[in-house]
């Protein structure tokens, strides 16, 4: 008789995989907002969309335990490689997969919970349609929780930029900036979309978050601003040298728009039980 040895237990994961990072001053506060609304039982199946390098995917895997299942989905191969490197032999019930939230792979199955920290921004321009795709892989009685920086985030900055564009007669650039600002979803937009796709017990809340910065290059290359928000301003200009001159004016006048406040928006809803 061939007796197979018992499988070795998964090694104990290091604390940084089980906790939210304390020094992440952007993603962690949003993740905390997400977790404040998420009901997560042991053994749950979870899809974490636009998961990046695993915040808060690892925390979710730790919470559901080995009887659960977690899939982190992202389109950025470098981020996925980083997440898998962090994971190593830990959490064998967690899998990081390549996939676009705007075209959910059909072989994923269904989930008790669908989460996405700072993911909603990647749903544009067809946010409601992407939400409907997610609902198709959410089990009856399951919960969807997403976070995003909502309309009003860094509004003082946008007002200062708009003022300077008006002063310099940059009409085309100002019109493009207005389009960017109007395209950003609000908390009321999120609530309406969740209700329109048929979710129940919908909750949407906002929490302010101050982002600190210094003037000059510290502002222009701020890791939380240059990765998306400031880029929207640069994209209003065809001439990037003109954009740099313009942004130097803004960067040296931060006293006119600080404190710089973001709006953490968390949206939650439940799929009705059959």
C-alpha atoms as a PDB file:
ATOM      1  CA  UNK A   1       0.000   0.000   0.000  1.00  0.00           C
ATOM      2  CA  UNK A   2       1.402   3.382  -1.059  1.00  0.00           C
ATOM      3  CA  UNK A   3       0.862   5.790   1.842  1.00  0.00           C
ATOM      4  CA  UNK A   4       1.126   9.439   0.871  1.00  0.00           C
ATOM      5  CA  UNK A   5       2.562  11.794   3.505  1.00  0.00           C
ATOM      6  CA  UNK A   6       0.351  14.528   4.852  1.00  0.00           C
ATOM      7  CA  UNK A   7       0.873  17.789   2.962  1.00  0.00           C
ATOM      8  CA  UNK A   8       3.152  20.256   4.700  1.00  0.00           C
ATOM      9  CA  UNK A   9       1.316  23.255   6.144  1.00  0.00           C
ATOM     10  CA  UNK A  10       1.741  26.585   4.396  1.00  0.00           C
ATOM     11  CA  UNK A  11       4.501  28.613   6.079  1.00  0.00           C
ATOM     12  CA  UNK A  12       3.338  31.385   8.368  1.00  0.00           C
ATOM     13  CA  UNK A  13       3.101  34.571   6.319  1.00  0.00           C
ATOM     14  CA  UNK A  14       5.092  37.616   7.458  1.00  0.00           C
ATOM     15  CA  UNK A  15       3.137  40.408   9.162  1.00  0.00           C
ATOM     16  CA  UNK A  16       3.397  42.761   6.170  1.00  0.00           C
ATOM     17  CA  UNK A  17       1.176  40.387   4.172  1.00  0.00           C
ATOM     18  CA  UNK A  18      -1.473  40.245   6.895  1.00  0.00           C
ATOM     19  CA  UNK A  19      -1.735  43.949   7.690  1.00  0.00           C
ATOM     20  CA  UNK A  20      -2.301  47.131   5.725  1.00  0.00           C
ATOM     21  CA  UNK A  21       0.984  49.028   5.265  1.00  0.00           C
ATOM     22  CA  UNK A  22       1.179  51.933   7.697  1.00  0.00           C
ATOM     23  CA  UNK A  23       3.440  54.087   5.522  1.00  0.00           C
ATOM     24  CA  UNK A  24       1.210  54.072   2.444  1.00  0.00           C
ATOM     25  CA  UNK A  25      -0.543  57.415   2.823  1.00  0.00           C
ATOM     26  CA  UNK A  26      -2.812  56.970  -0.206  1.00  0.00           C
ATOM     27  CA  UNK A  27      -3.841  53.361  -0.853  1.00  0.00           C
ATOM     28  CA  UNK A  28      -4.088  52.368   2.811  1.00  0.00           C
ATOM     29  CA  UNK A  29      -6.630  55.066   3.806  1.00  0.00           C
ATOM     30  CA  UNK A  30      -8.775  54.068   0.839  1.00  0.00           C
ATOM     31  CA  UNK A  31      -8.409  50.396   1.784  1.00  0.00           C
ATOM     32  CA  UNK A  32      -9.484  51.215   5.339  1.00  0.00           C
ATOM     33  CA  UNK A  33     -12.616  52.838   3.902  1.00  0.00           C
ATOM     34  CA  UNK A  34     -13.273  49.712   1.842  1.00  0.00           C
ATOM     35  CA  UNK A  35     -12.874  47.403   4.817  1.00  0.00           C
ATOM     36  CA  UNK A  36     -15.190  49.562   6.922  1.00  0.00           C
ATOM     37  CA  UNK A  37     -18.052  48.574   4.586  1.00  0.00           C
ATOM     38  CA  UNK A  38     -16.993  45.038   3.671  1.00  0.00           C
ATOM     39  CA  UNK A  39     -18.621  42.069   5.390  1.00  0.00           C
ATOM     40  CA  UNK A  40     -16.042  39.294   5.024  1.00  0.00           C
ATOM     41  CA  UNK A  41     -16.752  35.868   6.567  1.00  0.00           C
ATOM     42  CA  UNK A  42     -14.141  33.140   6.887  1.00  0.00           C
ATOM     43  CA  UNK A  43     -14.172  30.877   3.838  1.00  0.00           C
ATOM     44  CA  UNK A  44     -15.559  33.506   1.452  1.00  0.00           C
ATOM     45  CA  UNK A  45     -14.636  33.644  -2.230  1.00  0.00           C
ATOM     46  CA  UNK A  46     -13.348  37.089  -3.217  1.00  0.00           C
ATOM     47  CA  UNK A  47     -12.491  38.793  -6.514  1.00  0.00           C
ATOM     48  CA  UNK A  48     -10.257  41.854  -6.054  1.00  0.00           C
ATOM     49  CA  UNK A  49     -10.253  43.855  -9.297  1.00  0.00           C
ATOM     50  CA  UNK A  50      -7.422  46.146 -10.414  1.00  0.00           C
ATOM     51  CA  UNK A  51      -5.520  44.688  -7.470  1.00  0.00           C
ATOM     52  CA  UNK A  52      -2.119  46.155  -8.326  1.00  0.00           C
ATOM     53  CA  UNK A  53       0.643  44.717  -6.171  1.00  0.00           C
ATOM     54  CA  UNK A  54      -1.788  43.318  -3.610  1.00  0.00           C
ATOM     55  CA  UNK A  55      -3.179  46.037  -1.379  1.00  0.00           C
ATOM     56  CA  UNK A  56      -5.513  44.979   0.196  1.00  0.00           C
ATOM     57  CA  UNK A  57      -5.580  41.574  -1.598  1.00  0.00           C
ATOM     58  CA  UNK A  58      -3.169  39.934   0.827  1.00  0.00           C
ATOM     59  CA  UNK A  59      -5.184  41.218   3.775  1.00  0.00           C
ATOM     60  CA  UNK A  60      -8.353  39.743   2.244  1.00  0.00           C
ATOM     61  CA  UNK A  61      -6.633  36.362   1.789  1.00  0.00           C
ATOM     62  CA  UNK A  62      -5.493  36.442   5.401  1.00  0.00           C
ATOM     63  CA  UNK A  63      -9.049  37.189   6.536  1.00  0.00           C
ATOM     64  CA  UNK A  64     -10.866  34.480   4.557  1.00  0.00           C
ATOM     65  CA  UNK A  65      -8.344  31.783   5.512  1.00  0.00           C
ATOM     66  CA  UNK A  66      -7.476  28.507   3.757  1.00  0.00           C
ATOM     67  CA  UNK A  67     -11.116  27.509   3.323  1.00  0.00           C
ATOM     68  CA  UNK A  68     -11.667  30.587   1.167  1.00  0.00           C
ATOM     69  CA  UNK A  69     -10.501  31.602  -2.272  1.00  0.00           C
ATOM     70  CA  UNK A  70      -9.171  34.974  -3.466  1.00  0.00           C
ATOM     71  CA  UNK A  71      -8.297  36.091  -6.984  1.00  0.00           C
ATOM     72  CA  UNK A  72      -6.481  39.371  -7.593  1.00  0.00           C
ATOM     73  CA  UNK A  73      -7.058  40.610 -11.132  1.00  0.00           C
ATOM     74  CA  UNK A  74      -4.967  43.261 -12.885  1.00  0.00           C
ATOM     75  CA  UNK A  75      -3.862  44.262 -16.377  1.00  0.00           C
ATOM     76  CA  UNK A  76      -0.424  45.464 -15.275  1.00  0.00           C
ATOM     77  CA  UNK A  77       2.067  42.595 -15.611  1.00  0.00           C
ATOM     78  CA  UNK A  78       4.751  44.382 -13.588  1.00  0.00           C
ATOM     79  CA  UNK A  79       2.362  44.859 -10.668  1.00  0.00           C
ATOM     80  CA  UNK A  80       1.292  41.214 -10.841  1.00  0.00           C
ATOM     81  CA  UNK A  81       4.922  40.058 -10.868  1.00  0.00           C
ATOM     82  CA  UNK A  82       5.568  42.158  -7.774  1.00  0.00           C
ATOM     83  CA  UNK A  83       2.501  40.717  -6.039  1.00  0.00           C
ATOM     84  CA  UNK A  84       3.523  37.129  -6.812  1.00  0.00           C
ATOM     85  CA  UNK A  85       7.032  37.838  -5.560  1.00  0.00           C
ATOM     86  CA  UNK A  86       5.639  39.163  -2.273  1.00  0.00           C
ATOM     87  CA  UNK A  87       3.344  36.149  -1.987  1.00  0.00           C
ATOM     88  CA  UNK A  88       5.997  33.458  -2.377  1.00  0.00           C
ATOM     89  CA  UNK A  89       4.701  30.221  -0.790  1.00  0.00           C
ATOM     90  CA  UNK A  90       2.113  32.001   1.363  1.00  0.00           C
ATOM     91  CA  UNK A  91      -1.671  31.917   0.974  1.00  0.00           C
ATOM     92  CA  UNK A  92      -1.980  29.057  -1.567  1.00  0.00           C
ATOM     93  CA  UNK A  93      -5.694  29.895  -1.802  1.00  0.00           C
ATOM     94  CA  UNK A  94      -4.735  33.295  -3.328  1.00  0.00           C
ATOM     95  CA  UNK A  95      -4.066  33.625  -7.057  1.00  0.00           C
ATOM     96  CA  UNK A  96      -2.975  36.696  -8.997  1.00  0.00           C
ATOM     97  CA  UNK A  97      -4.235  36.663 -12.562  1.00  0.00           C
ATOM     98  CA  UNK A  98      -3.889  38.860 -15.614  1.00  0.00           C
ATOM     99  CA  UNK A  99      -7.209  40.284 -16.716  1.00  0.00           C
ATOM    100  CA  UNK A 100      -8.944  43.488 -17.730  1.00  0.00           C
ATOM    101  CA  UNK A 101     -11.783  44.670 -15.531  1.00  0.00           C
ATOM    102  CA  UNK A 102     -13.502  45.864 -18.718  1.00  0.00           C
ATOM    103  CA  UNK A 103     -13.575  42.270 -19.994  1.00  0.00           C
ATOM    104  CA  UNK A 104     -13.818  39.881 -17.029  1.00  0.00           C
ATOM    105  CA  UNK A 105     -12.467  36.403 -17.957  1.00  0.00           C
ATOM    106  CA  UNK A 106     -15.345  33.932 -18.256  1.00  0.00           C
ATOM    107  CA  UNK A 107     -13.513  31.134 -16.431  1.00  0.00           C
ATOM    108  CA  UNK A 108     -13.265  32.913 -13.077  1.00  0.00           C
ATOM    109  CA  UNK A 109     -16.464  31.476 -11.659  1.00  0.00           C
ATOM    110  CA  UNK A 110     -18.613  33.369  -9.173  1.00  0.00           C
ATOM    111  CA  UNK A 111     -17.754  35.108  -5.939  1.00  0.00           C
ATOM    112  CA  UNK A 112     -19.265  35.936  -2.572  1.00  0.00           C
ATOM    113  CA  UNK A 113     -17.528  39.312  -2.543  1.00  0.00           C
ATOM    114  CA  UNK A 114     -16.104  41.609  -5.219  1.00  0.00           C
ATOM    115  CA  UNK A 115     -13.771  44.369  -4.092  1.00  0.00           C
ATOM    116  CA  UNK A 116     -11.607  46.996  -5.745  1.00  0.00           C
ATOM    117  CA  UNK A 117      -9.468  49.552  -3.960  1.00  0.00           C
ATOM    118  CA  UNK A 118      -8.975  52.668  -6.095  1.00  0.00           C
ATOM    119  CA  UNK A 119     -10.198  50.570  -9.024  1.00  0.00           C
ATOM    120  CA  UNK A 120     -13.279  52.513 -10.089  1.00  0.00           C
ATOM    121  CA  UNK A 121     -11.154  55.069 -11.969  1.00  0.00           C
ATOM    122  CA  UNK A 122     -10.163  52.276 -14.390  1.00  0.00           C
ATOM    123  CA  UNK A 123     -13.808  51.637 -15.288  1.00  0.00           C
ATOM    124  CA  UNK A 124     -14.051  54.758 -17.454  1.00  0.00           C
ATOM    125  CA  UNK A 125     -15.524  55.670 -19.812  1.00  0.00           C
ATOM    126  CA  UNK A 126     -18.254  53.005 -19.464  1.00  0.00           C
ATOM    127  CA  UNK A 127     -18.462  52.683 -15.694  1.00  0.00           C
ATOM    128  CA  UNK A 128     -22.017  51.406 -15.483  1.00  0.00           C
ATOM    129  CA  UNK A 129     -21.341  48.697 -18.091  1.00  0.00           C
ATOM    130  CA  UNK A 130     -18.269  47.500 -16.179  1.00  0.00           C
ATOM    131  CA  UNK A 131     -20.294  47.372 -12.970  1.00  0.00           C
ATOM    132  CA  UNK A 132     -22.844  45.193 -14.767  1.00  0.00           C
ATOM    133  CA  UNK A 133     -20.059  42.816 -15.824  1.00  0.00           C
ATOM    134  CA  UNK A 134     -18.940  42.486 -12.223  1.00  0.00           C
ATOM    135  CA  UNK A 135     -22.461  41.775 -11.048  1.00  0.00           C
ATOM    136  CA  UNK A 136     -22.617  38.811 -13.446  1.00  0.00           C
ATOM    137  CA  UNK A 137     -19.851  37.068 -11.480  1.00  0.00           C
ATOM    138  CA  UNK A 138     -21.245  38.052  -8.068  1.00  0.00           C
ATOM    139  CA  UNK A 139     -23.256  35.333  -6.342  1.00  0.00           C
ATOM    140  CA  UNK A 140     -26.832  36.061  -5.225  1.00  0.00           C
ATOM    141  CA  UNK A 141     -26.573  37.527  -1.742  1.00  0.00           C
ATOM    142  CA  UNK A 142     -23.010  38.711  -2.485  1.00  0.00           C
ATOM    143  CA  UNK A 143     -21.527  42.131  -1.795  1.00  0.00           C
ATOM    144  CA  UNK A 144     -19.680  44.597  -4.050  1.00  0.00           C
ATOM    145  CA  UNK A 145     -17.407  47.212  -2.427  1.00  0.00           C
ATOM    146  CA  UNK A 146     -15.276  49.685  -4.393  1.00  0.00           C
ATOM    147  CA  UNK A 147     -13.339  52.838  -3.539  1.00  0.00           C
ATOM    148  CA  UNK A 148     -12.289  55.812  -5.633  1.00  0.00           C
ATOM    149  CA  UNK A 149     -11.314  59.496  -5.304  1.00  0.00           C
ATOM    150  CA  UNK A 150     -14.621  61.184  -6.014  1.00  0.00           C
ATOM    151  CA  UNK A 151     -15.583  64.512  -7.532  1.00  0.00           C
ATOM    152  CA  UNK A 152     -14.197  67.284  -5.347  1.00  0.00           C
ATOM    153  CA  UNK A 153     -10.813  65.613  -4.909  1.00  0.00           C
ATOM    154  CA  UNK A 154      -8.123  68.320  -5.092  1.00  0.00           C
ATOM    155  CA  UNK A 155     -10.780  70.841  -6.091  1.00  0.00           C
ATOM    156  CA  UNK A 156      -8.685  73.750  -4.783  1.00  0.00           C
ATOM    157  CA  UNK A 157      -5.904  72.757  -7.199  1.00  0.00           C
ATOM    158  CA  UNK A 158      -8.259  72.548 -10.171  1.00  0.00           C
ATOM    159  CA  UNK A 159      -9.657  75.969  -9.327  1.00  0.00           C
ATOM    160  CA  UNK A 160      -6.152  77.482  -9.173  1.00  0.00           C
ATOM    161  CA  UNK A 161      -5.221  75.878 -12.522  1.00  0.00           C
ATOM    162  CA  UNK A 162      -8.461  77.099 -14.088  1.00  0.00           C
ATOM    163  CA  UNK A 163      -7.778  80.603 -12.767  1.00  0.00           C
ATOM    164  CA  UNK A 164      -4.261  80.630 -14.235  1.00  0.00           C
ATOM    165  CA  UNK A 165      -5.443  79.291 -17.594  1.00  0.00           C
ATOM    166  CA  UNK A 166      -8.050  82.031 -17.713  1.00  0.00           C
ATOM    167  CA  UNK A 167      -5.427  84.645 -16.822  1.00  0.00           C
ATOM    168  CA  UNK A 168      -3.136  83.453 -19.644  1.00  0.00           C
ATOM    169  CA  UNK A 169      -5.939  83.158 -22.189  1.00  0.00           C
ATOM    170  CA  UNK A 170      -5.475  79.390 -22.604  1.00  0.00           C
ATOM    171  CA  UNK A 171      -8.992  78.746 -23.882  1.00  0.00           C
ATOM    172  CA  UNK A 172      -8.429  75.336 -25.500  1.00  0.00           C
ATOM    173  CA  UNK A 173      -6.530  74.035 -22.485  1.00  0.00           C
ATOM    174  CA  UNK A 174      -9.189  75.405 -20.145  1.00  0.00           C
ATOM    175  CA  UNK A 175     -11.951  73.634 -22.094  1.00  0.00           C
ATOM    176  CA  UNK A 176     -10.063  70.328 -21.881  1.00  0.00           C
ATOM    177  CA  UNK A 177      -9.548  70.819 -18.139  1.00  0.00           C
ATOM    178  CA  UNK A 178     -13.285  71.392 -17.733  1.00  0.00           C
ATOM    179  CA  UNK A 179     -13.955  68.100 -19.555  1.00  0.00           C
ATOM    180  CA  UNK A 180     -11.588  66.243 -17.197  1.00  0.00           C
ATOM    181  CA  UNK A 181     -13.243  67.743 -14.138  1.00  0.00           C
ATOM    182  CA  UNK A 182     -16.777  67.020 -15.306  1.00  0.00           C
ATOM    183  CA  UNK A 183     -15.876  63.419 -16.191  1.00  0.00           C
ATOM    184  CA  UNK A 184     -14.902  62.552 -12.614  1.00  0.00           C
ATOM    185  CA  UNK A 185     -17.701  60.607 -10.881  1.00  0.00           C
ATOM    186  CA  UNK A 186     -19.376  61.878  -7.735  1.00  0.00           C
ATOM    187  CA  UNK A 187     -20.685  59.953  -4.758  1.00  0.00           C
ATOM    188  CA  UNK A 188     -24.227  60.524  -6.018  1.00  0.00           C
ATOM    189  CA  UNK A 189     -23.238  59.119  -9.439  1.00  0.00           C
ATOM    190  CA  UNK A 190     -21.920  55.970  -7.770  1.00  0.00           C
ATOM    191  CA  UNK A 191     -25.086  55.544  -5.716  1.00  0.00           C
ATOM    192  CA  UNK A 192     -27.275  55.960  -8.784  1.00  0.00           C
ATOM    193  CA  UNK A 193     -25.307  53.420 -10.844  1.00  0.00           C
ATOM    194  CA  UNK A 194     -25.394  50.793  -8.095  1.00  0.00           C
ATOM    195  CA  UNK A 195     -29.139  51.150  -7.806  1.00  0.00           C
ATOM    196  CA  UNK A 196     -29.659  51.115 -11.587  1.00  0.00           C
ATOM    197  CA  UNK A 197     -27.832  47.784 -11.937  1.00  0.00           C
ATOM    198  CA  UNK A 198     -30.155  46.292  -9.337  1.00  0.00           C
ATOM    199  CA  UNK A 199     -28.104  46.206  -6.138  1.00  0.00           C
ATOM    200  CA  UNK A 200     -29.886  46.578  -2.802  1.00  0.00           C
ATOM    201  CA  UNK A 201     -28.874  48.015   0.576  1.00  0.00           C
ATOM    202  CA  UNK A 202     -26.685  50.488  -1.287  1.00  0.00           C
ATOM    203  CA  UNK A 203     -24.380  52.678   0.817  1.00  0.00           C
ATOM    204  CA  UNK A 204     -22.025  55.380  -0.468  1.00  0.00           C
ATOM    205  CA  UNK A 205     -19.926  57.531   1.850  1.00  0.00           C
ATOM    206  CA  UNK A 206     -17.068  60.003   1.537  1.00  0.00           C
ATOM    207  CA  UNK A 207     -14.187  60.618   3.921  1.00  0.00           C
ATOM    208  CA  UNK A 208     -11.783  63.573   3.506  1.00  0.00           C
ATOM    209  CA  UNK A 209      -8.056  62.903   3.228  1.00  0.00           C
ATOM    210  CA  UNK A 210      -5.420  65.653   3.321  1.00  0.00           C
ATOM    211  CA  UNK A 211      -2.345  65.237   1.116  1.00  0.00           C
ATOM    212  CA  UNK A 212       0.719  67.184   2.225  1.00  0.00           C
ATOM    213  CA  UNK A 213       3.202  68.630  -0.244  1.00  0.00           C
ATOM    214  CA  UNK A 214       5.932  71.240  -0.574  1.00  0.00           C
ATOM    215  CA  UNK A 215       6.401  73.702  -3.408  1.00  0.00           C
ATOM    216  CA  UNK A 216       8.412  73.331  -6.609  1.00  0.00           C
ATOM    217  CA  UNK A 217       9.662  69.927  -7.700  1.00  0.00           C
ATOM    218  CA  UNK A 218       8.307  68.312  -4.530  1.00  0.00           C
ATOM    219  CA  UNK A 219       4.840  69.155  -5.841  1.00  0.00           C
ATOM    220  CA  UNK A 220       5.519  68.448  -9.524  1.00  0.00           C
ATOM    221  CA  UNK A 221       6.900  64.984  -8.792  1.00  0.00           C
ATOM    222  CA  UNK A 222       4.775  64.131  -5.783  1.00  0.00           C
ATOM    223  CA  UNK A 223       4.230  60.329  -6.018  1.00  0.00           C
ATOM    224  CA  UNK A 224       0.520  60.620  -5.266  1.00  0.00           C
ATOM    225  CA  UNK A 225      -0.130  63.493  -7.651  1.00  0.00           C
ATOM    226  CA  UNK A 226       2.048  62.931 -10.698  1.00  0.00           C
ATOM    227  CA  UNK A 227       0.788  59.399 -11.238  1.00  0.00           C
ATOM    228  CA  UNK A 228      -2.547  60.634 -12.546  1.00  0.00           C
ATOM    229  CA  UNK A 229      -3.949  63.897 -11.240  1.00  0.00           C
ATOM    230  CA  UNK A 230      -1.221  66.255 -12.441  1.00  0.00           C
ATOM    231  CA  UNK A 231      -0.903  64.272 -15.667  1.00  0.00           C
ATOM    232  CA  UNK A 232      -4.463  65.302 -16.500  1.00  0.00           C
ATOM    233  CA  UNK A 233      -3.308  68.928 -16.497  1.00  0.00           C
ATOM    234  CA  UNK A 234      -0.270  68.214 -18.675  1.00  0.00           C
ATOM    235  CA  UNK A 235      -2.510  66.409 -21.154  1.00  0.00           C
ATOM    236  CA  UNK A 236      -4.480  69.614 -21.698  1.00  0.00           C
ATOM    237  CA  UNK A 237      -1.427  71.025 -23.502  1.00  0.00           C
ATOM    238  CA  UNK A 238      -0.221  70.081 -26.980  1.00  0.00           C
ATOM    239  CA  UNK A 239       3.088  71.842 -26.306  1.00  0.00           C
ATOM    240  CA  UNK A 240       4.657  70.088 -23.319  1.00  0.00           C
ATOM    241  CA  UNK A 241       7.274  72.807 -22.863  1.00  0.00           C
ATOM    242  CA  UNK A 242       4.427  75.255 -22.433  1.00  0.00           C
ATOM    243  CA  UNK A 243       2.865  72.802 -19.979  1.00  0.00           C
ATOM    244  CA  UNK A 244       6.071  72.706 -17.947  1.00  0.00           C
ATOM    245  CA  UNK A 245       6.269  76.507 -17.799  1.00  0.00           C
ATOM    246  CA  UNK A 246       2.635  76.661 -16.751  1.00  0.00           C
ATOM    247  CA  UNK A 247       2.995  73.990 -14.072  1.00  0.00           C
ATOM    248  CA  UNK A 248       6.063  75.686 -12.608  1.00  0.00           C
ATOM    249  CA  UNK A 249       3.866  78.709 -11.895  1.00  0.00           C
ATOM    250  CA  UNK A 250       1.345  76.464 -10.122  1.00  0.00           C
ATOM    251  CA  UNK A 251       4.046  74.536  -8.249  1.00  0.00           C
ATOM    252  CA  UNK A 252       5.508  77.718  -6.798  1.00  0.00           C
ATOM    253  CA  UNK A 253       2.140  78.971  -5.580  1.00  0.00           C
ATOM    254  CA  UNK A 254       0.924  76.045  -3.479  1.00  0.00           C
ATOM    255  CA  UNK A 255      -0.063  78.391  -0.661  1.00  0.00           C
ATOM    256  CA  UNK A 256      -3.032  79.416  -2.798  1.00  0.00           C
ATOM    257  CA  UNK A 257      -4.516  75.912  -2.870  1.00  0.00           C
ATOM    258  CA  UNK A 258      -3.440  74.084   0.274  1.00  0.00           C
ATOM    259  CA  UNK A 259      -4.712  72.234   2.217  1.00  0.00           C
ATOM    260  CA  UNK A 260      -4.968  69.767  -0.645  1.00  0.00           C
ATOM    261  CA  UNK A 261      -7.937  67.544   0.110  1.00  0.00           C
ATOM    262  CA  UNK A 262      -8.981  64.274  -1.510  1.00  0.00           C
ATOM    263  CA  UNK A 263     -12.394  62.688  -1.102  1.00  0.00           C
ATOM    264  CA  UNK A 264     -12.249  58.973  -0.295  1.00  0.00           C
ATOM    265  CA  UNK A 265     -15.467  57.506  -1.611  1.00  0.00           C
ATOM    266  CA  UNK A 266     -16.531  53.957  -0.719  1.00  0.00           C
ATOM    267  CA  UNK A 267     -19.514  52.405  -2.498  1.00  0.00           C
ATOM    268  CA  UNK A 268     -21.227  49.238  -1.333  1.00  0.00           C
ATOM    269  CA  UNK A 269     -24.191  47.224  -2.493  1.00  0.00           C
ATOM    270  CA  UNK A 270     -25.623  43.698  -2.294  1.00  0.00           C
ATOM    271  CA  UNK A 271     -26.957  41.422  -5.017  1.00  0.00           C
ATOM    272  CA  UNK A 272     -30.445  40.281  -4.086  1.00  0.00           C
ATOM    273  CA  UNK A 273     -30.789  36.651  -3.059  1.00  0.00           C
ATOM    274  CA  UNK A 274     -32.729  34.430  -5.440  1.00  0.00           C
END
